[in-house]
């Protein structure tokens, strides 16, 4: 049910603790790497040469839910980090009620984004594409966004693979082809030194990626032809 290839072996916990904000909810975390036997994704062994004894690690825990859409029911995955006051957070960018087009300055120009949490909502005009680039460095970057052809997508075509040996076309775009039901497009993104988790359309479109971005690839950009930033917090 994920559109990014790098999760497997989900572990689900029902929270039965009256003192927890997640009491009565299903919380899930995944191994953060591909299934060794799957033909469509990389396995943890393929990263071992790059990072020593790489064994995947875990994704951020998410709360499972269900959303009713025009195409039927869709599972949602809402990270436990969303609006979590128990976590120390530093606000670097806070934009609201601002237009953005192809003549606008890059609102993420002064931000280093190798480790970040991002929340954003846009209203797109005339099916304007939205393009985020993160982990931007010398000859590499990761891209995610929305357009009228791919819907929500994540693209690692332009990420340096650092020489890993995989059984798939690692330099690929993963498109959901889910356009969304309104002109509002939402993103919640977590990045942490080699893991990129992208949740879109009110957490109902999820991507998980192990990345090979250099620790020095820290720049970022945001582009749109004709859109309105309802809010962007990073």
C-alpha atoms as a PDB file:
ATOM      1  CA  UNK A   1       0.000   0.000   0.000  1.00  0.00           C
ATOM      2  CA  UNK A   2       3.074   2.260  -0.012  1.00  0.00           C
ATOM      3  CA  UNK A   3       4.204   3.968  -3.208  1.00  0.00           C
ATOM      4  CA  UNK A   4       7.847   4.055  -2.147  1.00  0.00           C
ATOM      5  CA  UNK A   5       9.625   0.693  -2.223  1.00  0.00           C
ATOM      6  CA  UNK A   6      11.662   0.671   0.960  1.00  0.00           C
ATOM      7  CA  UNK A   7       9.474  -0.768   3.726  1.00  0.00           C
ATOM      8  CA  UNK A   8       8.555  -4.283   4.742  1.00  0.00           C
ATOM      9  CA  UNK A   9       7.704  -6.473   7.766  1.00  0.00           C
ATOM     10  CA  UNK A  10       5.277  -4.034   9.391  1.00  0.00           C
ATOM     11  CA  UNK A  11       4.881  -4.432  13.131  1.00  0.00           C
ATOM     12  CA  UNK A  12       1.534  -3.315  14.524  1.00  0.00           C
ATOM     13  CA  UNK A  13       0.775  -2.419  18.134  1.00  0.00           C
ATOM     14  CA  UNK A  14      -2.619  -1.686  19.644  1.00  0.00           C
ATOM     15  CA  UNK A  15      -2.107   0.940  22.355  1.00  0.00           C
ATOM     16  CA  UNK A  16      -3.965   0.044  25.560  1.00  0.00           C
ATOM     17  CA  UNK A  17      -2.767   2.793  27.896  1.00  0.00           C
ATOM     18  CA  UNK A  18      -5.155   5.397  29.252  1.00  0.00           C
ATOM     19  CA  UNK A  19      -2.254   7.798  29.787  1.00  0.00           C
ATOM     20  CA  UNK A  20      -1.152   7.694  26.157  1.00  0.00           C
ATOM     21  CA  UNK A  21      -2.353  10.158  23.538  1.00  0.00           C
ATOM     22  CA  UNK A  22      -2.535   7.118  21.226  1.00  0.00           C
ATOM     23  CA  UNK A  23      -4.761   5.069  23.527  1.00  0.00           C
ATOM     24  CA  UNK A  24      -7.094   2.851  21.502  1.00  0.00           C
ATOM     25  CA  UNK A  25      -5.161   3.366  18.280  1.00  0.00           C
ATOM     26  CA  UNK A  26      -3.103   1.108  16.005  1.00  0.00           C
ATOM     27  CA  UNK A  27       0.531   2.217  15.793  1.00  0.00           C
ATOM     28  CA  UNK A  28       2.775   0.646  13.165  1.00  0.00           C
ATOM     29  CA  UNK A  29       6.462   0.729  12.328  1.00  0.00           C
ATOM     30  CA  UNK A  30       8.281  -0.933   9.460  1.00  0.00           C
ATOM     31  CA  UNK A  31      11.729  -2.175   8.690  1.00  0.00           C
ATOM     32  CA  UNK A  32      13.260   0.668   6.693  1.00  0.00           C
ATOM     33  CA  UNK A  33      14.630  -1.202   3.708  1.00  0.00           C
ATOM     34  CA  UNK A  34      13.357  -3.390   0.939  1.00  0.00           C
ATOM     35  CA  UNK A  35      12.260  -7.001   1.105  1.00  0.00           C
ATOM     36  CA  UNK A  36      15.228  -9.234   0.260  1.00  0.00           C
ATOM     37  CA  UNK A  37      13.126 -11.384  -2.045  1.00  0.00           C
ATOM     38  CA  UNK A  38      11.101  -8.691  -3.807  1.00  0.00           C
ATOM     39  CA  UNK A  39      11.846  -7.954  -7.440  1.00  0.00           C
ATOM     40  CA  UNK A  40      10.778  -4.309  -7.196  1.00  0.00           C
ATOM     41  CA  UNK A  41      12.970  -3.043  -4.355  1.00  0.00           C
ATOM     42  CA  UNK A  42      16.432  -3.173  -2.848  1.00  0.00           C
ATOM     43  CA  UNK A  43      17.253  -5.276   0.188  1.00  0.00           C
ATOM     44  CA  UNK A  44      19.391  -4.390   3.218  1.00  0.00           C
ATOM     45  CA  UNK A  45      22.315  -6.461   1.940  1.00  0.00           C
ATOM     46  CA  UNK A  46      22.681  -4.203  -1.065  1.00  0.00           C
ATOM     47  CA  UNK A  47      23.454  -1.249   1.217  1.00  0.00           C
ATOM     48  CA  UNK A  48      25.948  -3.158   3.367  1.00  0.00           C
ATOM     49  CA  UNK A  49      28.938  -2.224   1.235  1.00  0.00           C
ATOM     50  CA  UNK A  50      27.942   1.421   1.418  1.00  0.00           C
ATOM     51  CA  UNK A  51      27.286   1.717   5.143  1.00  0.00           C
ATOM     52  CA  UNK A  52      29.028  -1.204   6.816  1.00  0.00           C
ATOM     53  CA  UNK A  53      26.677  -3.538   8.669  1.00  0.00           C
ATOM     54  CA  UNK A  54      23.528  -1.925   7.330  1.00  0.00           C
ATOM     55  CA  UNK A  55      20.407  -3.600   8.650  1.00  0.00           C
ATOM     56  CA  UNK A  56      17.682  -1.236   7.620  1.00  0.00           C
ATOM     57  CA  UNK A  57      16.534   0.371  10.829  1.00  0.00           C
ATOM     58  CA  UNK A  58      12.923   1.395  11.454  1.00  0.00           C
ATOM     59  CA  UNK A  59      10.599   3.977   9.969  1.00  0.00           C
ATOM     60  CA  UNK A  60       8.931   6.593  12.128  1.00  0.00           C
ATOM     61  CA  UNK A  61       5.912   4.955  13.827  1.00  0.00           C
ATOM     62  CA  UNK A  62       2.609   5.863  12.201  1.00  0.00           C
ATOM     63  CA  UNK A  63      -1.020   5.754  13.258  1.00  0.00           C
ATOM     64  CA  UNK A  64      -3.119   3.691  10.872  1.00  0.00           C
ATOM     65  CA  UNK A  65      -6.480   5.015   9.769  1.00  0.00           C
ATOM     66  CA  UNK A  66      -8.946   4.946   6.878  1.00  0.00           C
ATOM     67  CA  UNK A  67     -10.013   7.756   4.550  1.00  0.00           C
ATOM     68  CA  UNK A  68     -13.121   7.671   2.387  1.00  0.00           C
ATOM     69  CA  UNK A  69     -12.272   8.942  -1.117  1.00  0.00           C
ATOM     70  CA  UNK A  70     -14.134   9.164  -4.405  1.00  0.00           C
ATOM     71  CA  UNK A  71     -12.272   5.998  -5.437  1.00  0.00           C
ATOM     72  CA  UNK A  72     -13.205   4.110  -2.275  1.00  0.00           C
ATOM     73  CA  UNK A  73     -11.471   3.572   1.039  1.00  0.00           C
ATOM     74  CA  UNK A  74      -7.761   4.339   1.343  1.00  0.00           C
ATOM     75  CA  UNK A  75      -5.469   3.583   4.265  1.00  0.00           C
ATOM     76  CA  UNK A  76      -3.832   6.555   5.983  1.00  0.00           C
ATOM     77  CA  UNK A  77      -0.503   6.606   7.787  1.00  0.00           C
ATOM     78  CA  UNK A  78      -0.046   9.570  10.125  1.00  0.00           C
ATOM     79  CA  UNK A  79       3.403   9.816  11.764  1.00  0.00           C
ATOM     80  CA  UNK A  80       3.454  10.153  15.544  1.00  0.00           C
ATOM     81  CA  UNK A  81       5.687  13.205  15.101  1.00  0.00           C
ATOM     82  CA  UNK A  82       2.832  15.327  13.729  1.00  0.00           C
ATOM     83  CA  UNK A  83       2.085  18.152  16.189  1.00  0.00           C
ATOM     84  CA  UNK A  84       3.875  16.177  18.903  1.00  0.00           C
ATOM     85  CA  UNK A  85       4.665  18.580  21.749  1.00  0.00           C
ATOM     86  CA  UNK A  86       6.943  16.020  23.418  1.00  0.00           C
ATOM     87  CA  UNK A  87       9.551  16.501  20.684  1.00  0.00           C
ATOM     88  CA  UNK A  88      11.919  19.452  20.602  1.00  0.00           C
ATOM     89  CA  UNK A  89      11.561  21.250  17.280  1.00  0.00           C
ATOM     90  CA  UNK A  90      13.306  24.277  15.790  1.00  0.00           C
ATOM     91  CA  UNK A  91      11.326  26.318  13.279  1.00  0.00           C
ATOM     92  CA  UNK A  92      13.403  27.473  10.304  1.00  0.00           C
ATOM     93  CA  UNK A  93      10.713  28.466   7.797  1.00  0.00           C
ATOM     94  CA  UNK A  94       7.147  29.561   8.443  1.00  0.00           C
ATOM     95  CA  UNK A  95       5.216  30.811   5.407  1.00  0.00           C
ATOM     96  CA  UNK A  96       1.464  31.305   5.104  1.00  0.00           C
ATOM     97  CA  UNK A  97      -0.954  32.898   2.656  1.00  0.00           C
ATOM     98  CA  UNK A  98       1.633  33.579  -0.044  1.00  0.00           C
ATOM     99  CA  UNK A  99       1.554  33.115  -3.815  1.00  0.00           C
ATOM    100  CA  UNK A 100       4.368  31.316  -5.601  1.00  0.00           C
ATOM    101  CA  UNK A 101       5.104  31.188  -9.332  1.00  0.00           C
ATOM    102  CA  UNK A 102       8.020  30.677 -11.703  1.00  0.00           C
ATOM    103  CA  UNK A 103       9.324  34.174 -10.954  1.00  0.00           C
ATOM    104  CA  UNK A 104       9.340  33.765  -7.166  1.00  0.00           C
ATOM    105  CA  UNK A 105      12.526  33.451  -5.151  1.00  0.00           C
ATOM    106  CA  UNK A 106      13.249  30.035  -3.704  1.00  0.00           C
ATOM    107  CA  UNK A 107      11.640  30.082  -0.215  1.00  0.00           C
ATOM    108  CA  UNK A 108      14.020  27.316   0.947  1.00  0.00           C
ATOM    109  CA  UNK A 109      17.146  29.042  -0.313  1.00  0.00           C
ATOM    110  CA  UNK A 110      18.760  29.557   3.105  1.00  0.00           C
ATOM    111  CA  UNK A 111      17.784  26.242   4.678  1.00  0.00           C
ATOM    112  CA  UNK A 112      19.970  23.166   5.073  1.00  0.00           C
ATOM    113  CA  UNK A 113      17.753  20.105   4.859  1.00  0.00           C
ATOM    114  CA  UNK A 114      19.581  16.849   5.461  1.00  0.00           C
ATOM    115  CA  UNK A 115      17.537  16.380   8.634  1.00  0.00           C
ATOM    116  CA  UNK A 116      14.115  18.043   8.678  1.00  0.00           C
ATOM    117  CA  UNK A 117      10.365  17.878   9.250  1.00  0.00           C
ATOM    118  CA  UNK A 118       8.173  19.694   6.751  1.00  0.00           C
ATOM    119  CA  UNK A 119       4.429  20.418   6.672  1.00  0.00           C
ATOM    120  CA  UNK A 120       2.923  22.161   3.664  1.00  0.00           C
ATOM    121  CA  UNK A 121      -0.408  22.865   2.021  1.00  0.00           C
ATOM    122  CA  UNK A 122      -0.841  24.416  -1.412  1.00  0.00           C
ATOM    123  CA  UNK A 123      -3.764  25.484  -3.537  1.00  0.00           C
ATOM    124  CA  UNK A 124      -2.749  24.909  -7.154  1.00  0.00           C
ATOM    125  CA  UNK A 125      -4.052  26.998 -10.023  1.00  0.00           C
ATOM    126  CA  UNK A 126      -4.355  25.621 -13.557  1.00  0.00           C
ATOM    127  CA  UNK A 127      -2.885  22.275 -12.424  1.00  0.00           C
ATOM    128  CA  UNK A 128       0.408  23.956 -11.594  1.00  0.00           C
ATOM    129  CA  UNK A 129       3.137  21.431 -10.752  1.00  0.00           C
ATOM    130  CA  UNK A 130       4.795  21.615  -7.333  1.00  0.00           C
ATOM    131  CA  UNK A 131       8.434  20.542  -7.138  1.00  0.00           C
ATOM    132  CA  UNK A 132      10.526  20.092  -4.004  1.00  0.00           C
ATOM    133  CA  UNK A 133      14.233  19.260  -4.225  1.00  0.00           C
ATOM    134  CA  UNK A 134      16.038  18.196  -1.060  1.00  0.00           C
ATOM    135  CA  UNK A 135      19.447  16.698  -0.298  1.00  0.00           C
ATOM    136  CA  UNK A 136      20.732  18.970  -3.037  1.00  0.00           C
ATOM    137  CA  UNK A 137      24.496  18.762  -3.432  1.00  0.00           C
ATOM    138  CA  UNK A 138      27.162  18.332  -6.029  1.00  0.00           C
ATOM    139  CA  UNK A 139      25.609  16.309  -8.852  1.00  0.00           C
ATOM    140  CA  UNK A 140      22.689  14.950  -6.812  1.00  0.00           C
ATOM    141  CA  UNK A 141      19.288  15.663  -5.295  1.00  0.00           C
ATOM    142  CA  UNK A 142      16.051  13.965  -4.289  1.00  0.00           C
ATOM    143  CA  UNK A 143      12.787  15.269  -5.714  1.00  0.00           C
ATOM    144  CA  UNK A 144       9.157  14.978  -4.683  1.00  0.00           C
ATOM    145  CA  UNK A 145       5.997  16.861  -5.506  1.00  0.00           C
ATOM    146  CA  UNK A 146       2.759  16.822  -7.456  1.00  0.00           C
ATOM    147  CA  UNK A 147       1.804  17.223 -11.102  1.00  0.00           C
ATOM    148  CA  UNK A 148      -1.250  16.417 -13.212  1.00  0.00           C
ATOM    149  CA  UNK A 149       0.443  13.430 -14.890  1.00  0.00           C
ATOM    150  CA  UNK A 150       2.060  11.620 -11.957  1.00  0.00           C
ATOM    151  CA  UNK A 151      -0.115  12.886  -9.127  1.00  0.00           C
ATOM    152  CA  UNK A 152       2.007  12.767  -5.981  1.00  0.00           C
ATOM    153  CA  UNK A 153       5.456  11.338  -6.650  1.00  0.00           C
ATOM    154  CA  UNK A 154       8.998  10.864  -5.360  1.00  0.00           C
ATOM    155  CA  UNK A 155      11.923  10.744  -7.775  1.00  0.00           C
ATOM    156  CA  UNK A 156      15.488   9.597  -7.081  1.00  0.00           C
ATOM    157  CA  UNK A 157      16.574   9.698 -10.733  1.00  0.00           C
ATOM    158  CA  UNK A 158      19.074  12.433  -9.888  1.00  0.00           C
ATOM    159  CA  UNK A 159      20.456  10.932  -6.683  1.00  0.00           C
ATOM    160  CA  UNK A 160      23.994   9.535  -6.777  1.00  0.00           C
ATOM    161  CA  UNK A 161      23.685   5.836  -5.924  1.00  0.00           C
ATOM    162  CA  UNK A 162      27.269   5.719  -4.550  1.00  0.00           C
ATOM    163  CA  UNK A 163      27.906   2.530  -6.516  1.00  0.00           C
ATOM    164  CA  UNK A 164      25.395   0.185  -4.895  1.00  0.00           C
ATOM    165  CA  UNK A 165      24.632  -2.970  -6.862  1.00  0.00           C
ATOM    166  CA  UNK A 166      20.884  -3.463  -7.175  1.00  0.00           C
ATOM    167  CA  UNK A 167      18.544  -5.767  -9.057  1.00  0.00           C
ATOM    168  CA  UNK A 168      16.180  -2.935 -10.021  1.00  0.00           C
ATOM    169  CA  UNK A 169      16.276   0.362 -11.891  1.00  0.00           C
ATOM    170  CA  UNK A 170      17.274   2.300  -8.781  1.00  0.00           C
ATOM    171  CA  UNK A 171      17.270   5.670 -10.570  1.00  0.00           C
ATOM    172  CA  UNK A 172      13.511   5.842 -10.956  1.00  0.00           C
ATOM    173  CA  UNK A 173      10.444   7.944 -10.298  1.00  0.00           C
ATOM    174  CA  UNK A 174       7.715   6.423  -8.128  1.00  0.00           C
ATOM    175  CA  UNK A 175       4.365   7.952  -9.052  1.00  0.00           C
ATOM    176  CA  UNK A 176       1.092   7.398  -7.236  1.00  0.00           C
ATOM    177  CA  UNK A 177      -1.103   8.700 -10.089  1.00  0.00           C
ATOM    178  CA  UNK A 178      -3.393   9.976  -7.334  1.00  0.00           C
ATOM    179  CA  UNK A 179      -4.246  13.565  -8.181  1.00  0.00           C
ATOM    180  CA  UNK A 180      -6.369  14.328  -5.129  1.00  0.00           C
ATOM    181  CA  UNK A 181      -9.983  15.380  -4.972  1.00  0.00           C
ATOM    182  CA  UNK A 182      -9.520  19.154  -4.658  1.00  0.00           C
ATOM    183  CA  UNK A 183      -7.035  21.829  -5.701  1.00  0.00           C
ATOM    184  CA  UNK A 184      -5.426  21.613  -2.238  1.00  0.00           C
ATOM    185  CA  UNK A 185      -2.254  19.485  -2.149  1.00  0.00           C
ATOM    186  CA  UNK A 186      -0.725  18.513   1.186  1.00  0.00           C
ATOM    187  CA  UNK A 187       2.695  17.196   2.167  1.00  0.00           C
ATOM    188  CA  UNK A 188       4.213  15.991   5.422  1.00  0.00           C
ATOM    189  CA  UNK A 189       7.860  14.984   5.046  1.00  0.00           C
ATOM    190  CA  UNK A 190      10.514  13.552   7.347  1.00  0.00           C
ATOM    191  CA  UNK A 191      14.179  13.235   6.416  1.00  0.00           C
ATOM    192  CA  UNK A 192      16.885  11.801   8.649  1.00  0.00           C
ATOM    193  CA  UNK A 193      20.340  10.979   7.291  1.00  0.00           C
ATOM    194  CA  UNK A 194      19.415   8.541   4.563  1.00  0.00           C
ATOM    195  CA  UNK A 195      15.704   8.001   5.130  1.00  0.00           C
ATOM    196  CA  UNK A 196      13.034  10.037   3.345  1.00  0.00           C
ATOM    197  CA  UNK A 197       9.366   9.571   4.302  1.00  0.00           C
ATOM    198  CA  UNK A 198       6.767  11.520   2.321  1.00  0.00           C
ATOM    199  CA  UNK A 199       3.064  11.551   3.262  1.00  0.00           C
ATOM    200  CA  UNK A 200       0.606  13.308   0.947  1.00  0.00           C
ATOM    201  CA  UNK A 201      -3.103  14.007   0.505  1.00  0.00           C
ATOM    202  CA  UNK A 202      -3.944  14.050   4.202  1.00  0.00           C
ATOM    203  CA  UNK A 203      -1.540  11.138   4.930  1.00  0.00           C
ATOM    204  CA  UNK A 204      -3.298   8.814   2.465  1.00  0.00           C
ATOM    205  CA  UNK A 205      -0.435   8.589  -0.064  1.00  0.00           C
ATOM    206  CA  UNK A 206       2.817   7.384   1.505  1.00  0.00           C
ATOM    207  CA  UNK A 207       6.357   6.960   0.179  1.00  0.00           C
ATOM    208  CA  UNK A 208       9.340   5.445   2.018  1.00  0.00           C
ATOM    209  CA  UNK A 209      12.857   5.718   0.593  1.00  0.00           C
ATOM    210  CA  UNK A 210      16.309   4.748   1.730  1.00  0.00           C
ATOM    211  CA  UNK A 211      18.578   7.333   0.128  1.00  0.00           C
ATOM    212  CA  UNK A 212      22.316   7.524  -0.432  1.00  0.00           C
ATOM    213  CA  UNK A 213      22.610  11.303  -0.293  1.00  0.00           C
ATOM    214  CA  UNK A 214      25.912  12.627   0.987  1.00  0.00           C
ATOM    215  CA  UNK A 215      25.870  14.338   4.398  1.00  0.00           C
ATOM    216  CA  UNK A 216      27.121  17.411   2.531  1.00  0.00           C
ATOM    217  CA  UNK A 217      24.073  17.447   0.229  1.00  0.00           C
ATOM    218  CA  UNK A 218      21.936  19.757   2.318  1.00  0.00           C
ATOM    219  CA  UNK A 219      20.395  22.419   0.086  1.00  0.00           C
ATOM    220  CA  UNK A 220      16.738  22.591  -0.916  1.00  0.00           C
ATOM    221  CA  UNK A 221      14.360  24.313  -3.301  1.00  0.00           C
ATOM    222  CA  UNK A 222      10.645  24.725  -3.938  1.00  0.00           C
ATOM    223  CA  UNK A 223       9.160  25.641  -7.308  1.00  0.00           C
ATOM    224  CA  UNK A 224       5.620  26.073  -8.639  1.00  0.00           C
ATOM    225  CA  UNK A 225       4.260  27.669 -11.793  1.00  0.00           C
ATOM    226  CA  UNK A 226       1.103  29.083 -10.231  1.00  0.00           C
ATOM    227  CA  UNK A 227       0.121  28.147  -6.701  1.00  0.00           C
ATOM    228  CA  UNK A 228      -0.777  29.565  -3.322  1.00  0.00           C
ATOM    229  CA  UNK A 229       1.099  28.499  -0.194  1.00  0.00           C
ATOM    230  CA  UNK A 230      -1.570  28.042   2.444  1.00  0.00           C
ATOM    231  CA  UNK A 231       1.170  27.172   4.924  1.00  0.00           C
ATOM    232  CA  UNK A 232       4.707  25.817   4.860  1.00  0.00           C
ATOM    233  CA  UNK A 233       6.525  24.967   8.090  1.00  0.00           C
ATOM    234  CA  UNK A 234       9.991  23.501   8.249  1.00  0.00           C
END
